[in-house]
C-alpha atoms as a PDB file:
ATOM      1  CA  MET A   1      66.361 -50.195 -45.411  1.00  0.00           C
ATOM      2  CA  SER A   2      63.509 -47.277 -45.201  1.00  0.00           C
ATOM      3  CA  VAL A   3      64.419 -45.711 -48.959  1.00  0.00           C
ATOM      4  CA  TYR A   4      65.022 -48.156 -51.571  1.00  0.00           C
ATOM      5  CA  PHE A   5      64.851 -48.298 -55.518  1.00  0.00           C
ATOM      6  CA  VAL A   6      61.733 -50.115 -56.996  1.00  0.00           C
ATOM      7  CA  LYS A   7      62.274 -51.758 -60.508  1.00  0.00           C
ATOM      8  CA  GLY A   8      59.984 -52.466 -63.292  1.00  0.00           C
ATOM      9  CA  LYS A   9      57.385 -50.431 -65.356  1.00  0.00           C
ATOM     10  CA  ASP A  10      56.651 -47.853 -62.396  1.00  0.00           C
ATOM     11  CA  LYS A  11      60.439 -47.672 -61.291  1.00  0.00           C
ATOM     12  CA  GLY A  12      61.397 -45.373 -59.032  1.00  0.00           C
ATOM     13  CA  TRP A  13      62.590 -44.674 -55.562  1.00  0.00           C
ATOM     14  CA  ARG A  14      60.458 -45.371 -52.665  1.00  0.00           C
ATOM     15  CA  TYR A  15      60.186 -44.708 -48.628  1.00  0.00           C
ATOM     16  CA  ASP A  16      58.790 -47.281 -46.304  1.00  0.00           C
ATOM     17  CA  PHE A  17      58.594 -47.259 -42.585  1.00  0.00           C
ATOM     18  CA  THR A  18      56.708 -48.297 -39.670  1.00  0.00           C
ATOM     19  CA  LEU A  19      55.923 -46.355 -36.844  1.00  0.00           C
ATOM     20  CA  LYS A  20      53.849 -47.553 -33.662  1.00  0.00           C
ATOM     21  CA  GLY A  21      52.612 -50.485 -35.554  1.00  0.00           C
ATOM     22  CA  ILE A  22      51.302 -48.501 -38.591  1.00  0.00           C
ATOM     23  CA  ARG A  23      53.006 -48.590 -42.064  1.00  0.00           C
ATOM     24  CA  HIS A  24      53.712 -45.393 -44.006  1.00  0.00           C
ATOM     25  CA  THR A  25      54.920 -45.503 -47.440  1.00  0.00           C
ATOM     26  CA  GLU A  26      55.130 -43.612 -50.765  1.00  0.00           C
ATOM     27  CA  ALA A  27      56.491 -44.613 -54.038  1.00  0.00           C
ATOM     28  CA  TRP A  28      57.859 -43.285 -57.591  1.00  0.00           C
ATOM     29  CA  PHE A  29      60.260 -40.635 -56.569  1.00  0.00           C
ATOM     30  CA  LYS A  30      62.830 -39.872 -59.322  1.00  0.00           C
ATOM     31  CA  THR A  31      65.894 -39.462 -57.112  1.00  0.00           C
ATOM     32  CA  LYS A  32      66.830 -41.101 -53.754  1.00  0.00           C
ATOM     33  CA  LYS A  33      67.354 -37.492 -52.304  1.00  0.00           C
ATOM     34  CA  LYS A  34      63.573 -36.622 -52.943  1.00  0.00           C
ATOM     35  CA  ALA A  35      62.546 -39.788 -51.130  1.00  0.00           C
ATOM     36  CA  LYS A  36      64.615 -39.368 -48.260  1.00  0.00           C
ATOM     37  CA  GLU A  37      63.197 -35.632 -48.047  1.00  0.00           C
ATOM     38  CA  ALA A  38      59.654 -36.801 -48.376  1.00  0.00           C
ATOM     39  CA  GLU A  39      60.144 -39.561 -45.643  1.00  0.00           C
ATOM     40  CA  ALA A  40      61.680 -36.974 -43.279  1.00  0.00           C
ATOM     41  CA  LYS A  41      58.595 -34.546 -43.831  1.00  0.00           C
ATOM     42  CA  GLN A  42      56.178 -37.422 -43.105  1.00  0.00           C
ATOM     43  CA  ARG A  43      58.249 -38.438 -39.879  1.00  0.00           C
ATOM     44  CA  GLU A  44      58.061 -34.796 -38.644  1.00  0.00           C
ATOM     45  CA  LYS A  45      54.369 -34.562 -39.354  1.00  0.00           C
ATOM     46  CA  LEU A  46      53.632 -37.748 -37.451  1.00  0.00           C
ATOM     47  CA  LYS A  47      55.946 -36.469 -34.679  1.00  0.00           C
ATOM     48  CA  ASN A  48      54.566 -33.104 -34.574  1.00  0.00           C
ATOM     49  CA  PRO A  49      50.876 -33.487 -35.571  1.00  0.00           C
ATOM     50  CA  LYS A  50      49.069 -30.120 -36.564  1.00  0.00           C
ATOM     51  CA  MET A  51      45.871 -29.344 -34.416  1.00  0.00           C
ATOM     52  CA  PRO A  52      42.896 -28.216 -36.779  1.00  0.00           C
ATOM     53  CA  THR A  53      42.004 -24.645 -36.347  1.00  0.00           C
ATOM     54  CA  PRO A  54      38.618 -23.937 -34.716  1.00  0.00           C
ATOM     55  CA  ALA A  55      37.610 -23.200 -38.619  1.00  0.00           C
ATOM     56  CA  GLU A  56      38.827 -26.379 -39.713  1.00  0.00           C
ATOM     57  CA  GLN A  57      36.862 -28.382 -37.124  1.00  0.00           C
ATOM     58  CA  ILE A  58      33.855 -30.247 -38.490  1.00  0.00           C
ATOM     59  CA  PRO A  59      30.768 -29.039 -36.095  1.00  0.00           C
ATOM     60  CA  ILE A  60      29.295 -31.753 -34.269  1.00  0.00           C
ATOM     61  CA  ASP A  61      25.640 -31.850 -33.438  1.00  0.00           C
ATOM     62  CA  MET A  62      24.047 -32.209 -30.046  1.00  0.00           C
ATOM     63  CA  ASP A  63      20.986 -33.180 -28.211  1.00  0.00           C
ATOM     64  CA  PHE A  64      18.859 -29.955 -27.322  1.00  0.00           C
ATOM     65  CA  LEU A  65      18.655 -31.104 -23.632  1.00  0.00           C
ATOM     66  CA  GLU A  66      22.616 -31.518 -23.763  1.00  0.00           C
ATOM     67  CA  LEU A  67      23.140 -28.040 -25.013  1.00  0.00           C
ATOM     68  CA  ILE A  68      20.589 -26.652 -22.166  1.00  0.00           C
ATOM     69  CA  ASN A  69      22.396 -28.576 -19.491  1.00  0.00           C
ATOM     70  CA  LYS A  70      25.854 -26.943 -20.658  1.00  0.00           C
ATOM     71  CA  ARG A  71      24.422 -23.662 -20.893  1.00  0.00           C
ATOM     72  CA  LEU A  72      23.249 -23.648 -17.478  1.00  0.00           C
ATOM     73  CA  ASP A  73      26.555 -24.763 -16.181  1.00  0.00           C
ATOM     74  CA  HIS A  74      28.145 -21.897 -17.791  1.00  0.00           C
ATOM     75  CA  VAL A  75      25.601 -19.328 -16.676  1.00  0.00           C
ATOM     76  CA  LYS A  76      26.110 -20.818 -13.086  1.00  0.00           C
ATOM     77  CA  ALA A  77      29.780 -20.273 -13.166  1.00  0.00           C
ATOM     78  CA  TYR A  78      29.901 -16.898 -14.989  1.00  0.00           C
ATOM     79  CA  ASN A  79      26.733 -14.837 -14.142  1.00  0.00           C
ATOM     80  CA  SER A  80      24.778 -14.003 -11.085  1.00  0.00           C
ATOM     81  CA  GLU A  81      22.202 -16.333  -9.156  1.00  0.00           C
ATOM     82  CA  ARG A  82      19.333 -14.177 -10.482  1.00  0.00           C
ATOM     83  CA  HIS A  83      20.389 -14.827 -14.280  1.00  0.00           C
ATOM     84  CA  TYR A  84      21.119 -18.555 -13.530  1.00  0.00           C
ATOM     85  CA  THR A  85      17.343 -18.876 -12.021  1.00  0.00           C
ATOM     86  CA  ASP A  86      15.897 -16.926 -15.113  1.00  0.00           C
ATOM     87  CA  HIS A  87      17.473 -19.338 -17.327  1.00  0.00           C
ATOM     88  CA  ILE A  88      16.373 -22.281 -15.353  1.00  0.00           C
ATOM     89  CA  TYR A  89      12.741 -21.090 -15.324  1.00  0.00           C
ATOM     90  CA  MET A  90      12.744 -20.694 -19.056  1.00  0.00           C
ATOM     91  CA  ALA A  91      14.647 -24.059 -19.744  1.00  0.00           C
ATOM     92  CA  ARG A  92      11.843 -25.728 -18.295  1.00  0.00           C
ATOM     93  CA  ARG A  93       9.389 -24.496 -20.701  1.00  0.00           C
ATOM     94  CA  TRP A  94      11.892 -25.078 -23.882  1.00  0.00           C
ATOM     95  CA  ILE A  95      12.207 -28.765 -22.675  1.00  0.00           C
ATOM     96  CA  LYS A  96       8.577 -29.317 -22.643  1.00  0.00           C
ATOM     97  CA  GLU A  97       8.439 -27.882 -26.144  1.00  0.00           C
ATOM     98  CA  TRP A  98      11.599 -29.510 -27.868  1.00  0.00           C
ATOM     99  CA  LYS A  99      13.123 -31.861 -25.347  1.00  0.00           C
ATOM    100  CA  ARG A 100      13.421 -34.872 -27.981  1.00  0.00           C
ATOM    101  CA  LEU A 101      15.016 -32.716 -30.761  1.00  0.00           C
ATOM    102  CA  ALA A 102      18.793 -32.397 -31.741  1.00  0.00           C
ATOM    103  CA  CYS A 103      19.889 -28.888 -32.537  1.00  0.00           C
ATOM    104  CA  SER A 104      20.173 -29.462 -36.231  1.00  0.00           C
ATOM    105  CA  GLU A 105      16.576 -30.274 -36.589  1.00  0.00           C
ATOM    106  CA  PHE A 106      15.700 -26.618 -35.378  1.00  0.00           C
ATOM    107  CA  THR A 107      14.313 -23.889 -37.878  1.00  0.00           C
ATOM    108  CA  THR A 108      13.836 -20.210 -37.696  1.00  0.00           C
ATOM    109  CA  ASP A 109       9.972 -21.037 -38.435  1.00  0.00           C
ATOM    110  CA  MET A 110       9.874 -23.141 -35.102  1.00  0.00           C
ATOM    111  CA  ILE A 111      11.319 -20.518 -32.826  1.00  0.00           C
ATOM    112  CA  GLN A 112       9.160 -18.043 -34.439  1.00  0.00           C
ATOM    113  CA  ASP A 113       6.038 -19.903 -33.739  1.00  0.00           C
ATOM    114  CA  PHE A 114       6.930 -20.424 -30.275  1.00  0.00           C
ATOM    115  CA  LEU A 115       7.458 -16.723 -29.712  1.00  0.00           C
ATOM    116  CA  LEU A 116       4.194 -15.697 -31.460  1.00  0.00           C
ATOM    117  CA  LYS A 117       2.884 -18.028 -28.665  1.00  0.00           C
ATOM    118  CA  ARG A 118       4.609 -16.511 -25.934  1.00  0.00           C
ATOM    119  CA  LEU A 119       3.659 -13.012 -27.254  1.00  0.00           C
ATOM    120  CA  ARG A 120      -0.054 -13.849 -27.321  1.00  0.00           C
ATOM    121  CA  GLU A 121       0.199 -15.666 -23.717  1.00  0.00           C
ATOM    122  CA  THR A 122       2.285 -12.845 -21.959  1.00  0.00           C
ATOM    123  CA  SER A 123       3.572  -9.642 -23.574  1.00  0.00           C
ATOM    124  CA  PRO A 124       6.048  -8.202 -26.274  1.00  0.00           C
ATOM    125  CA  PHE A 125       8.671  -7.628 -23.283  1.00  0.00           C
ATOM    126  CA  THR A 126       8.479 -11.411 -22.303  1.00  0.00           C
ATOM    127  CA  ALA A 127       8.579 -12.650 -25.795  1.00  0.00           C
ATOM    128  CA  ASN A 128      11.682 -10.791 -26.404  1.00  0.00           C
ATOM    129  CA  LYS A 129      13.245 -11.741 -23.197  1.00  0.00           C
ATOM    130  CA  GLU A 130      12.718 -15.395 -24.297  1.00  0.00           C
ATOM    131  CA  LEU A 131      14.328 -14.579 -27.640  1.00  0.00           C
ATOM    132  CA  ARG A 132      17.419 -12.951 -25.975  1.00  0.00           C
ATOM    133  CA  TYR A 133      17.941 -16.200 -24.017  1.00  0.00           C
ATOM    134  CA  LEU A 134      17.342 -18.384 -26.807  1.00  0.00           C
ATOM    135  CA  ARG A 135      19.678 -16.779 -28.681  1.00  0.00           C
ATOM    136  CA  SER A 136      22.331 -16.858 -26.193  1.00  0.00           C
ATOM    137  CA  LEU A 137      21.830 -20.699 -25.942  1.00  0.00           C
ATOM    138  CA  PHE A 138      22.603 -21.351 -29.158  1.00  0.00           C
ATOM    139  CA  ASN A 139      25.321 -19.055 -29.554  1.00  0.00           C
ATOM    140  CA  CYS A 140      26.961 -20.757 -26.602  1.00  0.00           C
ATOM    141  CA  GLY A 141      26.995 -23.905 -28.765  1.00  0.00           C
ATOM    142  CA  LEU A 142      28.126 -22.198 -31.842  1.00  0.00           C
ATOM    143  CA  HIS A 143      31.401 -20.414 -30.063  1.00  0.00           C
ATOM    144  CA  PRO A 144      34.739 -20.988 -31.808  1.00  0.00           C
ATOM    145  CA  VAL A 145      36.104 -22.774 -28.699  1.00  0.00           C
ATOM    146  CA  ARG A 146      33.291 -25.233 -28.556  1.00  0.00           C
ATOM    147  CA  ASN A 147      31.940 -25.750 -31.984  1.00  0.00           C
ATOM    148  CA  TRP A 148      29.042 -28.101 -30.529  1.00  0.00           C
ATOM    149  CA  ILE A 149      26.315 -27.107 -33.202  1.00  0.00           C
ATOM    150  CA  THR A 150      26.111 -25.931 -36.811  1.00  0.00           C
ATOM    151  CA  HIS A 151      23.556 -23.089 -36.843  1.00  0.00           C
ATOM    152  CA  ASN A 152      21.709 -20.715 -34.732  1.00  0.00           C
ATOM    153  CA  PRO A 153      17.891 -20.633 -35.664  1.00  0.00           C
ATOM    154  CA  THR A 154      17.067 -17.586 -34.070  1.00  0.00           C
ATOM    155  CA  ARG A 155      19.162 -15.638 -36.397  1.00  0.00           C
ATOM    156  CA  GLY A 156      17.513 -12.809 -38.352  1.00  0.00           C
ATOM    157  CA  ILE A 157      14.524 -12.761 -35.790  1.00  0.00           C
ATOM    158  CA  ALA A 158      13.690  -9.228 -34.958  1.00  0.00           C
ATOM    159  CA  PHE A 159      12.395  -8.324 -31.632  1.00  0.00           C
ATOM    160  CA  TYR A 160       8.623  -7.380 -31.171  1.00  0.00           C
ATOM    161  CA  PRO A 161       8.230  -3.577 -30.801  1.00  0.00           C
ATOM    162  CA  VAL A 162       7.575  -2.376 -27.202  1.00  0.00           C
ATOM    163  CA  ASP A 163       5.954   0.472 -25.903  1.00  0.00           C
ATOM    164  CA  LYS A 164       8.587   2.108 -23.400  1.00  0.00           C
ATOM    165  CA  GLN A 165       7.574   4.033 -20.635  1.00  0.00           C
ATOM    166  CA  ILE A 166       9.361   6.599 -18.390  1.00  0.00           C
ATOM    167  CA  LYS A 167      10.625   4.669 -15.444  1.00  0.00           C
ATOM    168  CA  TYR A 168       9.053   5.687 -12.112  1.00  0.00           C
ATOM    169  CA  VAL A 169      11.359   6.957  -9.390  1.00  0.00           C
ATOM    170  CA  PRO A 170       9.638   7.460  -6.120  1.00  0.00           C
ATOM    171  CA  PRO A 171      10.331  10.772  -4.385  1.00  0.00           C
ATOM    172  CA  ASN A 172      12.447  10.481  -0.896  1.00  0.00           C
ATOM    173  CA  GLU A 173       9.252  11.078   0.877  1.00  0.00           C
ATOM    174  CA  ASP A 174       7.282   8.034  -0.347  1.00  0.00           C
ATOM    175  CA  VAL A 175      10.514   5.801   0.217  1.00  0.00           C
ATOM    176  CA  LEU A 176      10.553   7.123   3.824  1.00  0.00           C
ATOM    177  CA  ARG A 177       7.037   6.532   4.204  1.00  0.00           C
ATOM    178  CA  VAL A 178       7.197   2.844   2.990  1.00  0.00           C
ATOM    179  CA  ILE A 179      10.528   2.369   5.449  1.00  0.00           C
ATOM    180  CA  LEU A 180       8.723   3.538   8.297  1.00  0.00           C
ATOM    181  CA  ALA A 181       5.546   1.428   7.551  1.00  0.00           C
ATOM    182  CA  ALA A 182       7.620  -1.700   7.726  1.00  0.00           C
ATOM    183  CA  ASP A 183       8.309  -4.142  10.704  1.00  0.00           C
ATOM    184  CA  PRO A 184      11.564  -3.537  12.481  1.00  0.00           C
ATOM    185  CA  ASP A 185      13.433  -6.257  10.882  1.00  0.00           C
ATOM    186  CA  LYS A 186      12.538  -5.454   7.347  1.00  0.00           C
ATOM    187  CA  ARG A 187      13.111  -1.511   8.240  1.00  0.00           C
ATOM    188  CA  ASP A 188      16.930  -2.164   8.638  1.00  0.00           C
ATOM    189  CA  TYR A 189      16.716  -4.113   5.324  1.00  0.00           C
ATOM    190  CA  LEU A 190      15.062  -1.238   3.381  1.00  0.00           C
ATOM    191  CA  TRP A 191      17.200   1.269   5.038  1.00  0.00           C
ATOM    192  CA  THR A 192      20.403  -0.579   3.881  1.00  0.00           C
ATOM    193  CA  ILE A 193      19.236  -0.728   0.265  1.00  0.00           C
ATOM    194  CA  ALA A 194      18.020   3.001   0.293  1.00  0.00           C
ATOM    195  CA  LEU A 195      21.086   4.051   1.983  1.00  0.00           C
ATOM    196  CA  THR A 196      23.721   2.021  -0.083  1.00  0.00           C
ATOM    197  CA  ILE A 197      21.753   2.266  -3.504  1.00  0.00           C
ATOM    198  CA  GLY A 198      22.377  -1.385  -3.964  1.00  0.00           C
ATOM    199  CA  ARG A 199      20.481  -3.817  -5.776  1.00  0.00           C
ATOM    200  CA  MET A 200      18.367  -6.251  -3.441  1.00  0.00           C
ATOM    201  CA  SER A 201      20.518  -9.062  -4.756  1.00  0.00           C
ATOM    202  CA  GLU A 202      23.726  -7.319  -3.598  1.00  0.00           C
ATOM    203  CA  VAL A 203      22.550  -6.444  -0.163  1.00  0.00           C
ATOM    204  CA  ASN A 204      21.323 -10.086   0.187  1.00  0.00           C
ATOM    205  CA  ARG A 205      24.647 -11.313  -0.384  1.00  0.00           C
ATOM    206  CA  LEU A 206      26.212  -8.595   2.041  1.00  0.00           C
ATOM    207  CA  THR A 207      28.313 -10.285   4.836  1.00  0.00           C
ATOM    208  CA  TRP A 208      29.986  -8.943   7.727  1.00  0.00           C
ATOM    209  CA  HIS A 209      33.180  -9.422   6.316  1.00  0.00           C
ATOM    210  CA  ASP A 210      32.385  -6.716   3.643  1.00  0.00           C
ATOM    211  CA  VAL A 211      31.193  -4.248   6.489  1.00  0.00           C
ATOM    212  CA  ASN A 212      34.106  -1.843   7.765  1.00  0.00           C
ATOM    213  CA  PHE A 213      32.970   0.091  10.828  1.00  0.00           C
ATOM    214  CA  GLU A 214      36.438   1.526  11.328  1.00  0.00           C
ATOM    215  CA  GLU A 215      36.704   3.235   8.107  1.00  0.00           C
ATOM    216  CA  ARG A 216      32.786   3.420   7.676  1.00  0.00           C
ATOM    217  CA  PHE A 217      32.084   1.570   4.484  1.00  0.00           C
ATOM    218  CA  VAL A 218      30.555  -1.214   3.199  1.00  0.00           C
ATOM    219  CA  VAL A 219      31.599  -3.339   0.260  1.00  0.00           C
ATOM    220  CA  LEU A 220      28.848  -4.481  -2.420  1.00  0.00           C
ATOM    221  CA  TYR A 221      29.547  -6.936  -5.237  1.00  0.00           C
ATOM    222  CA  THR A 222      27.874  -7.246  -8.688  1.00  0.00           C
ATOM    223  CA  ARG A 223      28.130  -9.553 -11.813  1.00  0.00           C
ATOM    224  CA  LYS A 224      27.160  -7.110 -14.204  1.00  0.00           C
ATOM    225  CA  LYS A 225      30.249  -6.601 -15.884  1.00  0.00           C
ATOM    226  CA  LYS A 226      31.216  -8.381 -19.082  1.00  0.00           C
ATOM    227  CA  GLY A 227      32.469 -11.847 -18.482  1.00  0.00           C
ATOM    228  CA  GLY A 228      30.632 -12.144 -15.352  1.00  0.00           C
ATOM    229  CA  HIS A 229      33.407 -11.289 -12.984  1.00  0.00           C
ATOM    230  CA  ARG A 230      32.486 -10.454  -9.399  1.00  0.00           C
ATOM    231  CA  THR A 231      33.277  -6.828  -9.115  1.00  0.00           C
ATOM    232  CA  PRO A 232      33.229  -4.946  -5.750  1.00  0.00           C
ATOM    233  CA  ARG A 233      32.519  -1.436  -5.058  1.00  0.00           C
ATOM    234  CA  LYS A 234      32.924   0.488  -1.804  1.00  0.00           C
ATOM    235  CA  ILE A 235      30.195   2.477  -0.392  1.00  0.00           C
ATOM    236  CA  SER A 236      30.502   5.148   2.318  1.00  0.00           C
ATOM    237  CA  MET A 237      28.421   4.547   5.328  1.00  0.00           C
ATOM    238  CA  THR A 238      25.877   7.505   6.331  1.00  0.00           C
ATOM    239  CA  ASP A 239      25.390   8.268   9.838  1.00  0.00           C
ATOM    240  CA  LYS A 240      21.972   6.438   9.775  1.00  0.00           C
ATOM    241  CA  LEU A 241      23.513   3.421   8.012  1.00  0.00           C
ATOM    242  CA  PHE A 242      26.117   3.182  10.512  1.00  0.00           C
ATOM    243  CA  GLU A 243      23.783   3.388  13.266  1.00  0.00           C
ATOM    244  CA  VAL A 244      21.556   0.475  11.689  1.00  0.00           C
ATOM    245  CA  LEU A 245      24.575  -1.706  11.113  1.00  0.00           C
ATOM    246  CA  SER A 246      26.208  -1.242  14.258  1.00  0.00           C
ATOM    247  CA  ARG A 247      22.779  -2.276  16.074  1.00  0.00           C
ATOM    248  CA  LEU A 248      22.465  -5.401  13.888  1.00  0.00           C
ATOM    249  CA  ASP A 249      26.189  -6.256  14.467  1.00  0.00           C
ATOM    250  CA  ALA A 250      25.590  -5.956  18.224  1.00  0.00           C
ATOM    251  CA  ASN A 251      22.807  -8.409  18.341  1.00  0.00           C
ATOM    252  CA  ARG A 252      23.780 -10.798  15.628  1.00  0.00           C
ATOM    253  CA  ASP A 253      24.935 -14.537  15.601  1.00  0.00           C
ATOM    254  CA  LYS A 254      28.481 -14.796  15.331  1.00  0.00           C
ATOM    255  CA  ARG A 255      28.107 -18.101  13.314  1.00  0.00           C
ATOM    256  CA  ILE A 256      26.179 -16.429  10.527  1.00  0.00           C
ATOM    257  CA  PRO A 257      28.257 -14.590   7.990  1.00  0.00           C
ATOM    258  CA  TRP A 258      25.576 -12.700   6.434  1.00  0.00           C
ATOM    259  CA  VAL A 259      23.954  -9.296   7.549  1.00  0.00           C
ATOM    260  CA  PHE A 260      20.574 -10.215   6.531  1.00  0.00           C
ATOM    261  CA  TRP A 261      19.359 -13.793   6.398  1.00  0.00           C
ATOM    262  CA  HIS A 262      16.427 -15.973   7.107  1.00  0.00           C
ATOM    263  CA  ARG A 263      15.663 -19.565   8.381  1.00  0.00           C
ATOM    264  CA  TYR A 264      14.321 -21.713   5.721  1.00  0.00           C
ATOM    265  CA  TRP A 265      11.341 -23.979   6.674  1.00  0.00           C
ATOM    266  CA  SER A 266      10.126 -26.985   4.652  1.00  0.00           C
ATOM    267  CA  ARG A 267       6.445 -27.427   4.678  1.00  0.00           C
ATOM    268  CA  LYS A 268       7.177 -31.067   4.042  1.00  0.00           C
ATOM    269  CA  ILE A 269       9.827 -31.573   6.644  1.00  0.00           C
ATOM    270  CA  ASP A 270       8.261 -29.187   9.371  1.00  0.00           C
ATOM    271  CA  GLY A 271       4.840 -29.566   8.728  1.00  0.00           C
END
């Protein structure tokens, strides 16, 4: 019997049952009905346990090196190759500085001292970039879905003032002069960048599948959109771009999917 009356000084009704080898009991209910209701609630609670919300979860500390590795995995999955390379470059410097620390040991003063050192070594622009990447690193650990760490030590640190200048845009004559001075292979590459107004990384990833000679357009992809989604955009071919790509297509190696590529030579292996 899971509900019964207990006699004595502390008399009252008790529920008492065992579930999966664990005993669950509570006593001193005034009536048998109340004891049965409490037992039913406890059984339901055990049958359908409530998952804690992100706000109720207790943040867990993490080694700084582990946080870096998880951040790099995230950037590699969601962002461009260039963004991933930049993270690796900075992460190597952070590891030399703080590889033995846990995230909970970081303070704002530590980060500021590091940034001042970078400011003296390089420039305000580089120090600010370092701050942005560090802030993203700790925010990654603080994300409500992950909740790996307890605080972001970069919070409240201001960016250094930077003397901004008007961005130089070369006139068409200068662009044409550079293209014509290049050797034939590089000239085709530069024509493609100039005539698509694409980023170097976008043209580097251009494949023949993205070139449509019948409808005369190419497709370039970017990961600049929020969330790191690979977003395509169609660009019409000018007569000159059609000429360049048609010539490259006629002479290409059909086994290689990229429009522009080069063979990698290792000095250690080849020489």
